[in-house]
Amino acid sequence: MTDPKTYLGPAEEKMEMAVEFLDESLAHIRAGKANPKILDGIRVNYYGSMAPISNVANVAVPDARTITITPWEKSMFKEIEKAIINSELGITPENNGEVIRLSIPPLTEDRRKALVKQSKAEAEQAKISVRNARRDAIEGLKKAIKQGMPEDVEKDAEATAQKLHDKFLKRIDDLFAAKEKEILTV
């Protein structure tokens, strides 16, 4: 007889990973105020290897609309500027020879709506992942009945899978609601 945990454990792990991935994805969506995480995806050429900006410079947020980047080496100024300009960030860096400054412009109403839509799509992807994990667990449990698992144990495990599903969907909804509020707050 198989233990229901052999199906519920991996399902819960997949659901947790989906929520963590969503959290990370939402952090990269610009919400009108300065967040150093928007630079995470940008890589610069550092002695022949591609490194994140945070590995070659100090990144700080002095106020709600500015990100400052202080490279550790003077030679990195041009590399960092070029990487930011070539990225999908849509912000032109200002360089005064000491610090690279990124001024985060306020979002237009249309841009806010587009970002909410993008956030909603990310949340929906996470929900699909959670549903797939639940489906896989339930299919595994149904197969386990044929291998000798008692039906009542399978039904209980199915109910547990559903509770896990509901718990993770609520977390996804909460993450999306927080991000939506952040984007729409002027």
N, C-alpha and C. Protein backbone atom coordinates (compact mmCIF):
# COMPACT_ATOMS: atom_id res chain seq x y z
N MET A 1 0.85 -1.20 0.00
CA MET A 1 0.00 0.00 0.00
C MET A 1 0.88 1.25 0.00
N THR A 2 0.48 2.23 -0.77
CA THR A 2 1.25 3.47 -0.84
C THR A 2 0.71 4.50 0.16
N ASP A 3 1.62 5.32 0.61
CA ASP A 3 1.25 6.36 1.58
C ASP A 3 0.77 7.60 0.80
N PRO A 4 -0.33 8.21 1.22
CA PRO A 4 -0.83 9.41 0.51
C PRO A 4 0.20 10.55 0.49
N LYS A 5 1.10 10.57 1.47
CA LYS A 5 2.09 11.65 1.54
C LYS A 5 3.04 11.61 0.34
N THR A 6 3.19 10.44 -0.28
CA THR A 6 4.08 10.36 -1.45
C THR A 6 3.52 11.18 -2.61
N TYR A 7 2.22 11.45 -2.58
CA TYR A 7 1.60 12.27 -3.63
C TYR A 7 1.38 13.71 -3.15
N LEU A 8 1.04 13.88 -1.87
CA LEU A 8 0.74 15.22 -1.35
C LEU A 8 2.00 16.05 -1.12
N GLY A 9 3.09 15.40 -0.71
CA GLY A 9 4.34 16.13 -0.47
C GLY A 9 4.85 16.85 -1.70
N PRO A 10 5.06 16.13 -2.81
CA PRO A 10 5.52 16.81 -4.03
C PRO A 10 4.53 17.87 -4.53
N ALA A 11 3.23 17.61 -4.35
CA ALA A 11 2.23 18.58 -4.80
C ALA A 11 2.37 19.88 -4.01
N GLU A 12 2.52 19.75 -2.69
CA GLU A 12 2.67 20.94 -1.86
C GLU A 12 3.95 21.70 -2.23
N GLU A 13 5.01 20.95 -2.51
CA GLU A 13 6.28 21.56 -2.90
C GLU A 13 6.12 22.36 -4.20
N LYS A 14 5.42 21.77 -5.18
CA LYS A 14 5.20 22.46 -6.47
C LYS A 14 4.36 23.72 -6.26
N MET A 15 3.35 23.62 -5.38
CA MET A 15 2.49 24.79 -5.11
C MET A 15 3.31 25.90 -4.45
N GLU A 16 4.16 25.54 -3.51
CA GLU A 16 5.01 26.51 -2.83
C GLU A 16 5.95 27.19 -3.83
N MET A 17 6.52 26.39 -4.74
CA MET A 17 7.42 26.95 -5.75
C MET A 17 6.68 27.91 -6.67
N ALA A 18 5.43 27.59 -7.01
CA ALA A 18 4.64 28.48 -7.87
C ALA A 18 4.42 29.83 -7.20
N VAL A 19 4.13 29.80 -5.89
CA VAL A 19 3.90 31.05 -5.15
C VAL A 19 5.21 31.85 -5.05
N GLU A 20 6.32 31.16 -4.78
CA GLU A 20 7.61 31.86 -4.70
C GLU A 20 7.98 32.48 -6.04
N PHE A 21 7.72 31.75 -7.13
CA PHE A 21 8.03 32.27 -8.46
C PHE A 21 7.17 33.51 -8.75
N LEU A 22 5.90 33.45 -8.36
CA LEU A 22 5.01 34.60 -8.56
C LEU A 22 5.53 35.80 -7.78
N ASP A 23 5.92 35.58 -6.54
CA ASP A 23 6.42 36.66 -5.70
C ASP A 23 7.63 37.32 -6.36
N GLU A 24 8.52 36.50 -6.88
CA GLU A 24 9.72 37.00 -7.56
C GLU A 24 9.34 37.75 -8.84
N SER A 25 8.40 37.21 -9.61
CA SER A 25 7.97 37.86 -10.86
C SER A 25 7.34 39.21 -10.58
N LEU A 26 6.51 39.28 -9.56
CA LEU A 26 5.83 40.54 -9.24
C LEU A 26 6.83 41.59 -8.74
N ALA A 27 7.89 41.14 -8.09
CA ALA A 27 8.90 42.09 -7.59
C ALA A 27 9.60 42.80 -8.74
N HIS A 28 9.66 42.16 -9.92
CA HIS A 28 10.34 42.76 -11.06
C HIS A 28 9.43 43.71 -11.85
N ILE A 29 8.16 43.76 -11.51
CA ILE A 29 7.24 44.67 -12.21
C ILE A 29 7.32 46.03 -11.53
N ARG A 30 7.66 47.04 -12.31
CA ARG A 30 7.87 48.38 -11.79
C ARG A 30 6.53 48.99 -11.38
N ALA A 31 6.48 49.51 -10.16
CA ALA A 31 5.21 50.03 -9.65
C ALA A 31 5.24 51.53 -9.42
N GLY A 32 6.09 52.27 -10.14
CA GLY A 32 6.08 53.71 -10.01
C GLY A 32 6.99 54.24 -8.93
N LYS A 33 7.45 53.36 -8.03
CA LYS A 33 8.41 53.83 -7.05
C LYS A 33 9.68 53.00 -7.18
N ALA A 34 10.77 53.57 -6.73
CA ALA A 34 12.08 52.95 -6.91
C ALA A 34 12.17 51.63 -6.15
N ASN A 35 12.59 50.58 -6.85
CA ASN A 35 12.79 49.27 -6.25
C ASN A 35 14.04 48.67 -6.91
N PRO A 36 15.09 48.42 -6.13
CA PRO A 36 16.32 47.91 -6.75
C PRO A 36 16.16 46.56 -7.45
N LYS A 37 15.08 45.83 -7.15
CA LYS A 37 14.88 44.52 -7.78
C LYS A 37 14.63 44.63 -9.28
N ILE A 38 14.22 45.81 -9.78
CA ILE A 38 14.00 45.94 -11.22
C ILE A 38 15.31 45.80 -12.00
N LEU A 39 16.44 45.93 -11.30
CA LEU A 39 17.75 45.79 -11.96
C LEU A 39 18.25 44.35 -11.96
N ASP A 40 17.58 43.46 -11.23
CA ASP A 40 18.06 42.08 -11.07
C ASP A 40 18.28 41.35 -12.40
N GLY A 41 17.45 41.60 -13.38
CA GLY A 41 17.56 40.88 -14.65
C GLY A 41 18.63 41.43 -15.58
N ILE A 42 19.21 42.58 -15.23
CA ILE A 42 20.19 43.22 -16.11
C ILE A 42 21.59 42.72 -15.77
N ARG A 43 22.32 42.26 -16.81
CA ARG A 43 23.67 41.72 -16.63
C ARG A 43 24.67 42.63 -17.33
N VAL A 44 25.85 42.75 -16.74
CA VAL A 44 26.91 43.54 -17.35
C VAL A 44 28.14 42.65 -17.57
N ASN A 45 28.93 43.02 -18.57
CA ASN A 45 30.15 42.27 -18.87
C ASN A 45 31.21 42.67 -17.85
N TYR A 46 31.61 41.71 -17.01
CA TYR A 46 32.59 41.98 -15.98
C TYR A 46 33.75 41.01 -16.17
N TYR A 47 34.82 41.48 -16.77
CA TYR A 47 36.00 40.67 -17.06
C TYR A 47 35.64 39.37 -17.77
N GLY A 48 34.82 39.49 -18.80
CA GLY A 48 34.52 38.35 -19.66
C GLY A 48 33.33 37.51 -19.23
N SER A 49 32.76 37.76 -18.06
CA SER A 49 31.57 36.99 -17.67
C SER A 49 30.43 37.97 -17.39
N MET A 50 29.21 37.48 -17.57
CA MET A 50 28.05 38.34 -17.36
C MET A 50 27.65 38.27 -15.89
N ALA A 51 27.61 39.43 -15.23
CA ALA A 51 27.30 39.49 -13.80
C ALA A 51 26.15 40.47 -13.57
N PRO A 52 25.32 40.22 -12.54
CA PRO A 52 24.26 41.18 -12.22
C PRO A 52 24.88 42.50 -11.74
N ILE A 53 24.16 43.59 -11.93
CA ILE A 53 24.68 44.91 -11.53
C ILE A 53 25.04 44.93 -10.05
N SER A 54 24.24 44.25 -9.22
CA SER A 54 24.50 44.27 -7.78
C SER A 54 25.83 43.59 -7.41
N ASN A 55 26.42 42.82 -8.33
CA ASN A 55 27.71 42.18 -8.07
C ASN A 55 28.90 43.07 -8.43
N VAL A 56 28.65 44.17 -9.16
CA VAL A 56 29.75 45.04 -9.58
C VAL A 56 29.59 46.47 -9.08
N ALA A 57 28.50 46.73 -8.35
CA ALA A 57 28.24 48.09 -7.89
C ALA A 57 27.34 48.06 -6.66
N ASN A 58 27.35 49.17 -5.95
CA ASN A 58 26.46 49.34 -4.81
C ASN A 58 25.16 49.97 -5.33
N VAL A 59 24.01 49.31 -5.09
CA VAL A 59 22.73 49.81 -5.55
C VAL A 59 21.95 50.31 -4.34
N ALA A 60 21.51 51.57 -4.38
CA ALA A 60 20.79 52.15 -3.24
C ALA A 60 19.55 52.89 -3.73
N VAL A 61 18.62 53.10 -2.80
CA VAL A 61 17.38 53.84 -3.09
C VAL A 61 17.30 55.01 -2.10
N PRO A 62 17.86 56.18 -2.49
CA PRO A 62 17.85 57.32 -1.56
C PRO A 62 16.47 57.93 -1.32
N ASP A 63 15.60 57.85 -2.33
CA ASP A 63 14.22 58.33 -2.15
C ASP A 63 13.28 57.50 -3.02
N ALA A 64 11.99 57.79 -2.96
CA ALA A 64 10.97 56.96 -3.62
C ALA A 64 11.05 56.97 -5.15
N ARG A 65 11.75 57.94 -5.73
CA ARG A 65 11.77 58.05 -7.19
C ARG A 65 13.17 57.88 -7.80
N THR A 66 14.16 57.50 -6.99
CA THR A 66 15.54 57.44 -7.49
C THR A 66 16.23 56.15 -7.06
N ILE A 67 17.00 55.59 -7.99
CA ILE A 67 17.90 54.48 -7.68
C ILE A 67 19.30 54.96 -8.02
N THR A 68 20.24 54.81 -7.10
CA THR A 68 21.62 55.19 -7.39
C THR A 68 22.47 53.93 -7.48
N ILE A 69 23.38 53.96 -8.45
CA ILE A 69 24.30 52.84 -8.67
C ILE A 69 25.71 53.40 -8.58
N THR A 70 26.49 52.90 -7.63
CA THR A 70 27.86 53.34 -7.45
C THR A 70 28.79 52.18 -7.81
N PRO A 71 29.35 52.19 -9.02
CA PRO A 71 30.25 51.09 -9.42
C PRO A 71 31.51 51.07 -8.55
N TRP A 72 32.00 49.87 -8.30
CA TRP A 72 33.20 49.70 -7.49
C TRP A 72 34.46 50.03 -8.28
N GLU A 73 34.35 49.97 -9.61
CA GLU A 73 35.49 50.30 -10.47
C GLU A 73 35.04 51.33 -11.50
N LYS A 74 35.90 52.32 -11.76
CA LYS A 74 35.57 53.37 -12.73
C LYS A 74 35.27 52.80 -14.12
N SER A 75 35.93 51.69 -14.47
CA SER A 75 35.76 51.12 -15.81
C SER A 75 34.35 50.55 -16.02
N MET A 76 33.61 50.36 -14.94
CA MET A 76 32.28 49.75 -15.05
C MET A 76 31.19 50.76 -15.39
N PHE A 77 31.47 52.07 -15.30
CA PHE A 77 30.44 53.07 -15.58
C PHE A 77 29.80 52.87 -16.95
N LYS A 78 30.64 52.79 -17.99
CA LYS A 78 30.13 52.66 -19.36
C LYS A 78 29.37 51.34 -19.54
N GLU A 79 29.92 50.25 -18.98
CA GLU A 79 29.28 48.93 -19.09
C GLU A 79 27.88 48.94 -18.47
N ILE A 80 27.78 49.50 -17.27
CA ILE A 80 26.49 49.53 -16.56
C ILE A 80 25.49 50.40 -17.32
N GLU A 81 25.95 51.59 -17.76
CA GLU A 81 25.06 52.47 -18.52
C GLU A 81 24.55 51.79 -19.79
N LYS A 82 25.47 51.15 -20.51
CA LYS A 82 25.10 50.46 -21.76
C LYS A 82 24.08 49.36 -21.48
N ALA A 83 24.30 48.59 -20.42
CA ALA A 83 23.39 47.49 -20.08
C ALA A 83 21.99 48.01 -19.73
N ILE A 84 21.93 49.13 -19.01
CA ILE A 84 20.63 49.70 -18.62
C ILE A 84 19.91 50.24 -19.86
N ILE A 85 20.64 50.92 -20.72
CA ILE A 85 20.03 51.48 -21.94
C ILE A 85 19.51 50.36 -22.83
N ASN A 86 20.26 49.26 -22.95
CA ASN A 86 19.86 48.15 -23.81
C ASN A 86 18.80 47.25 -23.19
N SER A 87 18.50 47.44 -21.91
CA SER A 87 17.50 46.60 -21.24
C SER A 87 16.10 47.08 -21.59
N GLU A 88 15.10 46.34 -21.11
CA GLU A 88 13.70 46.70 -21.35
C GLU A 88 13.16 47.62 -20.27
N LEU A 89 14.05 48.20 -19.47
CA LEU A 89 13.65 49.04 -18.34
C LEU A 89 12.98 50.33 -18.82
N GLY A 90 13.46 50.89 -19.91
CA GLY A 90 12.86 52.11 -20.44
C GLY A 90 13.24 53.35 -19.65
N ILE A 91 14.38 53.31 -18.96
CA ILE A 91 14.84 54.46 -18.17
C ILE A 91 16.25 54.81 -18.64
N THR A 92 16.48 56.10 -18.87
CA THR A 92 17.81 56.54 -19.30
C THR A 92 18.63 56.91 -18.06
N PRO A 93 19.80 56.30 -17.91
CA PRO A 93 20.63 56.60 -16.73
C PRO A 93 21.31 57.96 -16.85
N GLU A 94 21.51 58.62 -15.71
CA GLU A 94 22.25 59.88 -15.66
C GLU A 94 23.57 59.58 -14.93
N ASN A 95 24.69 59.98 -15.55
CA ASN A 95 26.00 59.68 -14.98
C ASN A 95 26.73 60.99 -14.70
N ASN A 96 27.14 61.19 -13.42
CA ASN A 96 27.89 62.40 -13.10
C ASN A 96 29.37 62.10 -12.83
N GLY A 97 29.82 60.91 -13.19
CA GLY A 97 31.21 60.53 -12.98
C GLY A 97 31.46 59.83 -11.65
N GLU A 98 30.56 60.02 -10.70
CA GLU A 98 30.67 59.39 -9.38
C GLU A 98 29.60 58.31 -9.20
N VAL A 99 28.39 58.66 -9.65
CA VAL A 99 27.22 57.81 -9.41
C VAL A 99 26.36 57.78 -10.66
N ILE A 100 25.74 56.64 -10.92
CA ILE A 100 24.74 56.55 -11.99
C ILE A 100 23.39 56.66 -11.32
N ARG A 101 22.58 57.60 -11.79
CA ARG A 101 21.27 57.82 -11.20
C ARG A 101 20.17 57.39 -12.16
N LEU A 102 19.19 56.65 -11.65
CA LEU A 102 18.01 56.30 -12.43
C LEU A 102 16.82 57.00 -11.80
N SER A 103 16.21 57.91 -12.54
CA SER A 103 15.01 58.59 -12.04
C SER A 103 13.79 57.83 -12.52
N ILE A 104 13.01 57.33 -11.58
CA ILE A 104 11.83 56.54 -11.92
C ILE A 104 10.68 57.52 -12.19
N PRO A 105 10.21 57.59 -13.44
CA PRO A 105 9.13 58.53 -13.74
C PRO A 105 7.80 58.01 -13.17
N PRO A 106 6.90 58.94 -12.81
CA PRO A 106 5.58 58.49 -12.34
C PRO A 106 4.85 57.78 -13.49
N LEU A 107 4.06 56.80 -13.15
CA LEU A 107 3.36 56.02 -14.17
C LEU A 107 2.11 56.73 -14.64
N THR A 108 1.83 56.60 -15.94
CA THR A 108 0.58 57.14 -16.48
C THR A 108 -0.54 56.16 -16.13
N GLU A 109 -1.76 56.61 -16.25
CA GLU A 109 -2.92 55.75 -15.93
C GLU A 109 -2.93 54.51 -16.83
N ASP A 110 -2.65 54.71 -18.13
CA ASP A 110 -2.63 53.57 -19.07
C ASP A 110 -1.54 52.57 -18.69
N ARG A 111 -0.38 53.09 -18.31
CA ARG A 111 0.73 52.21 -17.93
C ARG A 111 0.38 51.44 -16.66
N ARG A 112 -0.29 52.09 -15.72
CA ARG A 112 -0.72 51.41 -14.49
C ARG A 112 -1.66 50.25 -14.82
N LYS A 113 -2.61 50.53 -15.71
CA LYS A 113 -3.56 49.47 -16.09
C LYS A 113 -2.84 48.31 -16.77
N ALA A 114 -1.86 48.63 -17.62
CA ALA A 114 -1.10 47.58 -18.30
C ALA A 114 -0.30 46.74 -17.30
N LEU A 115 0.27 47.41 -16.29
CA LEU A 115 1.05 46.68 -15.28
C LEU A 115 0.15 45.80 -14.42
N VAL A 116 -1.06 46.29 -14.11
CA VAL A 116 -2.01 45.47 -13.35
C VAL A 116 -2.38 44.24 -14.18
N LYS A 117 -2.59 44.46 -15.48
CA LYS A 117 -2.93 43.35 -16.37
C LYS A 117 -1.80 42.32 -16.42
N GLN A 118 -0.56 42.82 -16.50
CA GLN A 118 0.60 41.93 -16.52
C GLN A 118 0.70 41.15 -15.20
N SER A 119 0.46 41.83 -14.09
CA SER A 119 0.50 41.18 -12.77
C SER A 119 -0.58 40.11 -12.67
N LYS A 120 -1.75 40.42 -13.21
CA LYS A 120 -2.87 39.46 -13.17
C LYS A 120 -2.51 38.22 -13.99
N ALA A 121 -1.86 38.42 -15.13
CA ALA A 121 -1.44 37.29 -15.97
C ALA A 121 -0.43 36.42 -15.22
N GLU A 122 0.50 37.05 -14.51
CA GLU A 122 1.49 36.30 -13.72
C GLU A 122 0.79 35.49 -12.63
N ALA A 123 -0.20 36.12 -11.97
CA ALA A 123 -0.94 35.43 -10.91
C ALA A 123 -1.72 34.26 -11.48
N GLU A 124 -2.29 34.44 -12.66
CA GLU A 124 -3.06 33.36 -13.30
C GLU A 124 -2.15 32.18 -13.64
N GLN A 125 -0.93 32.47 -14.10
CA GLN A 125 0.03 31.40 -14.38
C GLN A 125 0.34 30.60 -13.12
N ALA A 126 0.51 31.31 -12.00
CA ALA A 126 0.79 30.64 -10.73
C ALA A 126 -0.40 29.76 -10.32
N LYS A 127 -1.61 30.26 -10.53
CA LYS A 127 -2.81 29.48 -10.19
C LYS A 127 -2.88 28.21 -11.04
N ILE A 128 -2.52 28.33 -12.30
CA ILE A 128 -2.53 27.16 -13.19
C ILE A 128 -1.52 26.12 -12.67
N SER A 129 -0.36 26.57 -12.25
CA SER A 129 0.65 25.65 -11.71
C SER A 129 0.13 24.94 -10.46
N VAL A 130 -0.56 25.68 -9.60
CA VAL A 130 -1.11 25.09 -8.37
C VAL A 130 -2.18 24.06 -8.73
N ARG A 131 -3.03 24.41 -9.68
CA ARG A 131 -4.09 23.47 -10.10
C ARG A 131 -3.49 22.20 -10.70
N ASN A 132 -2.44 22.37 -11.50
CA ASN A 132 -1.77 21.21 -12.10
C ASN A 132 -1.16 20.31 -11.03
N ALA A 133 -0.58 20.91 -10.00
CA ALA A 133 0.01 20.12 -8.92
C ALA A 133 -1.08 19.33 -8.20
N ARG A 134 -2.23 19.97 -7.98
CA ARG A 134 -3.35 19.28 -7.33
C ARG A 134 -3.84 18.13 -8.21
N ARG A 135 -3.99 18.40 -9.50
CA ARG A 135 -4.46 17.37 -10.44
C ARG A 135 -3.51 16.17 -10.45
N ASP A 136 -2.21 16.44 -10.51
CA ASP A 136 -1.22 15.35 -10.51
C ASP A 136 -1.32 14.52 -9.24
N ALA A 137 -1.50 15.18 -8.10
CA ALA A 137 -1.61 14.46 -6.83
C ALA A 137 -2.86 13.57 -6.82
N ILE A 138 -3.98 14.11 -7.29
CA ILE A 138 -5.23 13.35 -7.29
C ILE A 138 -5.15 12.17 -8.26
N GLU A 139 -4.54 12.39 -9.42
CA GLU A 139 -4.36 11.28 -10.37
C GLU A 139 -3.50 10.18 -9.76
N GLY A 140 -2.44 10.57 -9.07
CA GLY A 140 -1.58 9.60 -8.40
C GLY A 140 -2.34 8.82 -7.34
N LEU A 141 -3.20 9.52 -6.61
CA LEU A 141 -3.99 8.86 -5.56
C LEU A 141 -4.97 7.86 -6.17
N LYS A 142 -5.56 8.24 -7.28
CA LYS A 142 -6.52 7.33 -7.94
C LYS A 142 -5.82 6.06 -8.43
N LYS A 143 -4.59 6.23 -8.93
CA LYS A 143 -3.82 5.05 -9.35
C LYS A 143 -3.44 4.19 -8.15
N ALA A 144 -3.24 4.84 -6.99
CA ALA A 144 -2.84 4.11 -5.79
C ALA A 144 -3.96 3.20 -5.29
N ILE A 145 -5.21 3.56 -5.59
CA ILE A 145 -6.35 2.71 -5.21
C ILE A 145 -6.19 1.34 -5.89
N LYS A 146 -5.79 1.39 -7.17
CA LYS A 146 -5.60 0.14 -7.93
C LYS A 146 -4.45 -0.68 -7.36
N GLN A 147 -3.53 -0.01 -6.66
CA GLN A 147 -2.40 -0.71 -6.07
C GLN A 147 -2.66 -1.12 -4.62
N GLY A 148 -3.90 -0.94 -4.16
CA GLY A 148 -4.25 -1.44 -2.84
C GLY A 148 -4.51 -0.39 -1.77
N MET A 149 -4.51 0.89 -2.13
CA MET A 149 -4.81 1.91 -1.12
C MET A 149 -6.31 1.89 -0.82
N PRO A 150 -6.72 1.91 0.45
CA PRO A 150 -8.15 1.95 0.77
C PRO A 150 -8.80 3.23 0.23
N GLU A 151 -10.06 3.10 -0.22
CA GLU A 151 -10.75 4.24 -0.84
C GLU A 151 -10.94 5.40 0.13
N ASP A 152 -11.24 5.09 1.39
CA ASP A 152 -11.46 6.18 2.35
C ASP A 152 -10.17 6.98 2.60
N VAL A 153 -9.03 6.30 2.60
CA VAL A 153 -7.74 6.98 2.74
C VAL A 153 -7.50 7.89 1.53
N GLU A 154 -7.84 7.37 0.35
CA GLU A 154 -7.68 8.15 -0.88
C GLU A 154 -8.57 9.39 -0.85
N LYS A 155 -9.81 9.23 -0.40
CA LYS A 155 -10.75 10.37 -0.34
C LYS A 155 -10.24 11.43 0.65
N ASP A 156 -9.73 10.97 1.80
CA ASP A 156 -9.18 11.92 2.78
C ASP A 156 -7.99 12.68 2.18
N ALA A 157 -7.12 11.94 1.48
CA ALA A 157 -5.95 12.56 0.86
C ALA A 157 -6.37 13.55 -0.23
N GLU A 158 -7.43 13.20 -0.96
CA GLU A 158 -7.96 14.10 -1.99
C GLU A 158 -8.46 15.40 -1.36
N ALA A 159 -9.15 15.26 -0.22
CA ALA A 159 -9.65 16.44 0.50
C ALA A 159 -8.47 17.30 0.98
N THR A 160 -7.41 16.65 1.43
CA THR A 160 -6.21 17.37 1.87
C THR A 160 -5.58 18.12 0.69
N ALA A 161 -5.53 17.47 -0.46
CA ALA A 161 -4.99 18.12 -1.66
C ALA A 161 -5.82 19.35 -2.01
N GLN A 162 -7.14 19.25 -1.87
CA GLN A 162 -8.01 20.38 -2.15
C GLN A 162 -7.76 21.53 -1.17
N LYS A 163 -7.56 21.18 0.11
CA LYS A 163 -7.28 22.22 1.13
C LYS A 163 -5.97 22.93 0.83
N LEU A 164 -4.96 22.15 0.43
CA LEU A 164 -3.67 22.75 0.04
C LEU A 164 -3.88 23.70 -1.13
N HIS A 165 -4.62 23.23 -2.13
CA HIS A 165 -4.93 24.03 -3.32
C HIS A 165 -5.57 25.36 -2.92
N ASP A 166 -6.59 25.28 -2.05
CA ASP A 166 -7.30 26.49 -1.63
C ASP A 166 -6.38 27.45 -0.87
N LYS A 167 -5.51 26.89 -0.01
CA LYS A 167 -4.59 27.71 0.79
C LYS A 167 -3.63 28.47 -0.13
N PHE A 168 -3.09 27.77 -1.13
CA PHE A 168 -2.13 28.42 -2.02
C PHE A 168 -2.80 29.41 -2.97
N LEU A 169 -4.03 29.12 -3.40
CA LEU A 169 -4.75 30.09 -4.24
C LEU A 169 -5.01 31.37 -3.46
N LYS A 170 -5.31 31.25 -2.18
CA LYS A 170 -5.54 32.44 -1.35
C LYS A 170 -4.25 33.25 -1.25
N ARG A 171 -3.11 32.57 -1.08
CA ARG A 171 -1.83 33.28 -1.01
C ARG A 171 -1.55 34.02 -2.32
N ILE A 172 -1.87 33.37 -3.45
CA ILE A 172 -1.66 34.00 -4.76
C ILE A 172 -2.55 35.24 -4.88
N ASP A 173 -3.82 35.10 -4.49
CA ASP A 173 -4.74 36.24 -4.55
C ASP A 173 -4.25 37.39 -3.67
N ASP A 174 -3.73 37.05 -2.49
CA ASP A 174 -3.21 38.09 -1.58
C ASP A 174 -2.01 38.81 -2.19
N LEU A 175 -1.10 38.03 -2.79
CA LEU A 175 0.08 38.64 -3.43
C LEU A 175 -0.34 39.58 -4.56
N PHE A 176 -1.30 39.11 -5.38
CA PHE A 176 -1.76 39.93 -6.50
C PHE A 176 -2.45 41.20 -5.99
N ALA A 177 -3.29 41.06 -4.97
CA ALA A 177 -4.01 42.22 -4.43
C ALA A 177 -3.02 43.26 -3.90
N ALA A 178 -1.98 42.80 -3.22
CA ALA A 178 -0.97 43.73 -2.68
C ALA A 178 -0.25 44.45 -3.82
N LYS A 179 0.11 43.70 -4.88
CA LYS A 179 0.83 44.30 -6.00
C LYS A 179 -0.08 45.28 -6.75
N GLU A 180 -1.35 44.90 -6.92
CA GLU A 180 -2.31 45.77 -7.59
C GLU A 180 -2.45 47.09 -6.83
N LYS A 181 -2.54 46.99 -5.51
CA LYS A 181 -2.66 48.19 -4.67
C LYS A 181 -1.40 49.06 -4.82
N GLU A 182 -0.24 48.39 -4.82
CA GLU A 182 1.03 49.11 -4.97
C GLU A 182 1.09 49.85 -6.30
N ILE A 183 0.65 49.20 -7.38
CA ILE A 183 0.70 49.80 -8.71
C ILE A 183 -0.28 50.97 -8.82
N LEU A 184 -1.49 50.79 -8.29
CA LEU A 184 -2.52 51.81 -8.46
C LEU A 184 -2.39 52.98 -7.48
N THR A 185 -1.56 52.84 -6.45
CA THR A 185 -1.36 53.95 -5.50
C THR A 185 -0.50 55.00 -6.17
N VAL A 186 -1.03 56.20 -6.24
CA VAL A 186 -0.31 57.30 -6.90
C VAL A 186 0.56 58.03 -5.88
